[in-house]
Amino acid sequence: MSSLLLDGWSFTADTAEWTTVFPGGCRDLIVCQPRGAAPFIFATELDDIPRRVAVEPGDRFIGFRLRPGVGVKGNLSRLAPRDSAEEVDWAVLQDVLIECPQVRDALTALKHAASTSEAARRAGVSTRTLQRLVVTGTGRAPSWWRRLARVRRSAALLAATGATQAELADAAIDAGFSDQAHMTREFRRWLGVTPGQVRRGVPFADVLQAKGYQ
């Protein structure tokens, strides 16, 4: 697998439906082939809140989830396969990707850091340098990345373990939230659901465990 690629996925819609896309800290290169039409390719942006996407029966999607911090340059339309989404060539797609090693290192340092200054020390740069690298390279502040990683880790853990109501307060503290109310606010802001809903297994709980920044 390329160092620029975090995961690959595919999806074919059986019925007309809406699907929810949660903030993951990653951009996706997606080849879409609507039923009866030619395929086209596009790149997603970083989501700040959950996004609802409508699909129609027979719509086919093949996605390449890029690692956090990997950007897209150039014209994507020339890379779309001519007849079928299945013909997409990852080796060709890599030509439009760009990654800055310093931004990659900064994002790695931010994942579990309690503050931006702590992440800067881990990355071996000044706080101001880390802030500049992250904002310039991703369009998001370091605090945005730290908060996203924390809420995604917490949601994935709750979806997998189904913690009891009494355990939610402890889970909040263990995850680095100030208290359970703080965790609930962050879940609502980023995911549009509460920790209790995730714990009880909302219909899209498996989506919360998809690969991303955490």
Protein backbone atom coordinates (compact mmCIF):
# COMPACT_ATOMS: atom_id res chain seq x y z
CA MET A 1 0.00 0.00 0.00
CA SER A 2 1.28 3.48 -0.85
CA SER A 3 2.48 5.62 2.05
CA LEU A 4 -0.05 8.21 0.88
CA LEU A 5 -3.03 5.85 1.14
CA LEU A 6 -4.75 4.98 4.39
CA ASP A 7 -7.48 2.71 3.07
CA GLY A 8 -9.53 1.74 0.04
CA TRP A 9 -13.26 1.14 -0.12
CA SER A 10 -16.11 0.49 -2.53
CA PHE A 11 -19.88 0.83 -2.36
CA THR A 12 -22.79 0.08 -4.67
CA ALA A 13 -26.21 1.44 -3.74
CA ASP A 14 -29.06 -1.07 -3.80
CA THR A 15 -31.77 1.50 -3.05
CA ALA A 16 -32.25 5.24 -3.01
CA GLU A 17 -30.95 6.33 0.36
CA TRP A 18 -29.03 8.86 2.39
CA THR A 19 -25.71 7.94 3.96
CA THR A 20 -23.83 9.86 6.66
CA VAL A 21 -20.17 10.80 6.28
CA PHE A 22 -18.43 11.71 9.53
CA PRO A 23 -15.39 13.97 9.94
CA GLY A 24 -12.35 11.72 9.60
CA GLY A 25 -9.47 14.10 9.09
CA CYS A 26 -8.85 12.59 5.65
CA ARG A 27 -9.65 13.47 2.08
CA ASP A 28 -10.93 10.79 -0.28
CA LEU A 29 -10.36 10.39 -3.98
CA ILE A 30 -13.66 8.97 -5.22
CA VAL A 31 -14.53 7.49 -8.59
CA CYS A 32 -18.29 7.68 -9.00
CA GLN A 33 -20.26 5.90 -11.69
CA PRO A 34 -23.96 6.75 -11.66
CA ARG A 35 -26.18 4.06 -13.15
CA GLY A 36 -26.09 4.31 -16.93
CA ALA A 37 -23.54 7.13 -17.01
CA ALA A 38 -19.80 7.54 -17.48
CA PRO A 39 -17.60 7.54 -14.38
CA PHE A 40 -16.12 10.72 -13.00
CA ILE A 41 -13.60 11.43 -10.24
CA PHE A 42 -13.52 14.03 -7.47
CA ALA A 43 -11.74 14.75 -4.18
CA THR A 44 -13.57 15.44 -0.93
CA GLU A 45 -12.67 18.23 1.47
CA LEU A 46 -12.09 17.93 5.21
CA ASP A 47 -15.45 17.71 6.97
CA ASP A 48 -16.10 19.77 10.10
CA ILE A 49 -19.50 18.24 10.82
CA PRO A 50 -21.41 15.14 9.64
CA ARG A 51 -22.39 15.31 5.98
CA ARG A 52 -25.41 13.63 4.38
CA VAL A 53 -24.98 12.19 0.89
CA ALA A 54 -27.81 10.98 -1.35
CA VAL A 55 -27.30 7.94 -3.60
CA GLU A 56 -29.51 6.29 -6.20
CA PRO A 57 -29.94 2.56 -6.97
CA GLY A 58 -27.04 1.27 -9.01
CA ASP A 59 -24.66 4.12 -8.19
CA ARG A 60 -21.13 2.73 -7.86
CA PHE A 61 -18.35 4.32 -5.80
CA ILE A 62 -14.69 3.36 -5.46
CA GLY A 63 -12.77 5.40 -2.90
CA PHE A 64 -9.18 5.90 -1.88
CA ARG A 65 -8.84 7.35 1.62
CA LEU A 66 -5.74 9.49 1.81
CA ARG A 67 -3.62 9.75 4.90
CA PRO A 68 -4.22 12.87 7.03
CA GLY A 69 -2.35 15.83 5.59
CA VAL A 70 -2.10 14.47 2.04
CA GLY A 71 -3.28 17.06 -0.48
CA VAL A 72 -4.57 16.96 -4.04
CA LYS A 73 -3.21 19.06 -6.89
CA GLY A 74 -3.95 19.44 -10.58
CA ASN A 75 -6.91 18.48 -12.75
CA LEU A 76 -8.63 15.26 -11.69
CA SER A 77 -11.00 14.96 -14.63
CA ARG A 78 -8.26 13.68 -16.95
CA LEU A 79 -7.70 10.73 -14.60
CA ALA A 80 -11.25 9.39 -14.71
CA PRO A 81 -11.56 5.93 -16.32
CA ARG A 82 -13.33 6.01 -19.68
CA ASP A 83 -15.89 3.23 -19.31
CA SER A 84 -16.00 1.75 -15.81
CA ALA A 85 -15.11 2.85 -12.29
CA GLU A 86 -13.40 -0.51 -11.89
CA GLU A 87 -10.72 0.57 -14.36
CA VAL A 88 -9.28 3.25 -12.07
CA ASP A 89 -5.51 2.97 -11.63
CA TRP A 90 -4.14 3.93 -8.22
CA ALA A 91 -0.65 4.34 -9.65
CA VAL A 92 -2.00 7.03 -11.96
CA LEU A 93 -3.94 8.77 -9.20
CA GLN A 94 -0.78 9.18 -7.12
CA ASP A 95 0.45 11.74 -9.65
CA VAL A 96 -1.99 14.33 -8.27
CA LEU A 97 -1.13 13.81 -4.59
CA ILE A 98 1.26 15.82 -2.46
CA GLU A 99 2.52 15.35 1.09
CA CYS A 100 4.78 17.49 3.27
CA PRO A 101 6.80 15.31 5.68
CA GLN A 102 6.86 18.11 8.27
CA VAL A 103 3.07 18.38 8.22
CA ARG A 104 2.81 14.60 8.53
CA ASP A 105 5.09 14.62 11.57
CA ALA A 106 3.17 17.50 13.14
CA LEU A 107 -0.16 15.66 12.76
CA THR A 108 1.36 12.51 14.26
CA ALA A 109 2.56 14.51 17.25
CA LEU A 110 -0.85 16.16 17.75
CA LYS A 111 -2.85 12.91 17.98
CA HIS A 112 -2.32 12.23 21.67
CA ALA A 113 -0.91 15.57 22.82
CA ALA A 114 -2.69 17.43 25.61
CA SER A 115 -1.77 20.77 24.03
CA THR A 116 -0.23 22.25 20.91
CA SER A 117 2.94 23.12 22.82
CA GLU A 118 3.30 19.50 23.93
CA ALA A 119 2.89 18.35 20.31
CA ALA A 120 5.53 20.85 19.21
CA ARG A 121 7.99 19.42 21.71
CA ARG A 122 7.30 15.92 20.41
CA ALA A 123 7.84 17.08 16.83
CA GLY A 124 11.02 18.95 17.75
CA VAL A 125 9.81 22.36 16.55
CA SER A 126 8.57 25.55 18.16
CA THR A 127 4.87 25.97 18.90
CA ARG A 128 4.62 28.77 16.35
CA THR A 129 6.31 26.63 13.68
CA LEU A 130 3.95 23.72 14.31
CA GLN A 131 0.94 26.02 14.13
CA ARG A 132 2.14 27.49 10.85
CA LEU A 133 2.89 24.08 9.34
CA VAL A 134 -0.50 22.64 10.23
CA VAL A 135 -2.61 25.64 9.20
CA THR A 136 -0.72 26.12 5.93
CA GLY A 137 -0.66 22.41 5.10
CA THR A 138 -4.22 21.46 6.06
CA GLY A 139 -6.30 24.61 6.42
CA ARG A 140 -7.18 23.62 9.99
CA ALA A 141 -5.72 24.70 13.34
CA PRO A 142 -3.80 22.28 15.60
CA SER A 143 -6.66 22.39 18.12
CA TRP A 144 -9.04 21.18 15.40
CA TRP A 145 -6.88 18.09 14.86
CA ARG A 146 -6.49 17.33 18.57
CA ARG A 147 -10.21 17.58 19.20
CA LEU A 148 -11.07 15.44 16.18
CA ALA A 149 -8.64 12.68 17.17
CA ARG A 150 -9.98 12.61 20.71
CA VAL A 151 -13.63 12.38 19.75
CA ARG A 152 -12.98 9.76 17.06
CA ARG A 153 -11.01 7.54 19.46
CA SER A 154 -13.73 7.87 22.07
CA ALA A 155 -16.54 7.11 19.63
CA ALA A 156 -14.76 4.06 18.23
CA LEU A 157 -14.16 2.73 21.74
CA LEU A 158 -17.77 3.23 22.83
CA ALA A 159 -19.09 1.68 19.62
CA ALA A 160 -16.86 -1.36 20.14
CA THR A 161 -17.34 -1.89 23.88
CA GLY A 162 -20.83 -0.55 24.59
CA ALA A 163 -19.86 0.98 27.95
CA THR A 164 -22.65 1.21 30.50
CA GLN A 165 -24.24 4.54 31.39
CA ALA A 166 -22.35 4.57 34.67
CA GLU A 167 -19.06 4.07 32.84
CA LEU A 168 -19.48 7.06 30.54
CA ALA A 169 -18.17 9.52 33.12
CA ASP A 170 -15.01 7.48 33.57
CA ALA A 171 -14.66 7.07 29.82
CA ALA A 172 -14.83 10.85 29.40
CA ILE A 173 -12.03 11.47 31.91
CA ASP A 174 -9.90 8.67 30.48
CA ALA A 175 -10.24 10.18 27.00
CA GLY A 176 -9.09 13.61 28.17
CA PHE A 177 -12.43 15.41 28.38
CA SER A 178 -12.97 17.62 31.44
CA ASP A 179 -16.18 15.72 32.31
CA GLN A 180 -19.06 13.78 30.74
CA ALA A 181 -20.88 16.96 29.72
CA HIS A 182 -17.79 18.08 27.82
CA MET A 183 -17.64 14.75 26.00
CA THR A 184 -21.33 15.00 25.10
CA ARG A 185 -20.87 18.50 23.64
CA GLU A 186 -17.95 17.33 21.53
CA PHE A 187 -19.85 14.28 20.27
CA ARG A 188 -22.80 16.46 19.26
CA ARG A 189 -20.53 18.99 17.57
CA TRP A 190 -18.47 16.50 15.53
CA LEU A 191 -20.79 13.52 15.11
CA GLY A 192 -24.31 14.81 15.63
CA VAL A 193 -25.04 12.13 18.25
CA THR A 194 -24.51 11.66 21.98
CA PRO A 195 -22.10 9.19 23.65
CA GLY A 196 -25.17 7.32 24.90
CA GLN A 197 -26.44 6.81 21.36
CA VAL A 198 -23.06 5.48 20.28
CA ARG A 199 -22.93 3.22 23.32
CA ARG A 200 -26.36 1.78 22.48
CA GLY A 201 -25.30 1.08 18.90
CA VAL A 202 -26.72 3.70 16.56
CA PRO A 203 -27.35 2.28 13.04
CA PHE A 204 -24.10 3.76 11.74
CA ALA A 205 -21.89 2.69 14.69
CA ASP A 206 -19.64 0.70 12.38
CA VAL A 207 -18.95 3.87 10.35
CA LEU A 208 -17.56 5.53 13.46
CA GLN A 209 -14.81 2.92 13.48
CA ALA A 210 -13.70 3.61 9.89
CA LYS A 211 -10.04 4.45 9.42
CA GLY A 212 -9.15 8.07 9.91
CA TYR A 213 -7.28 10.49 12.15
CA GLN A 214 -7.30 9.14 15.70
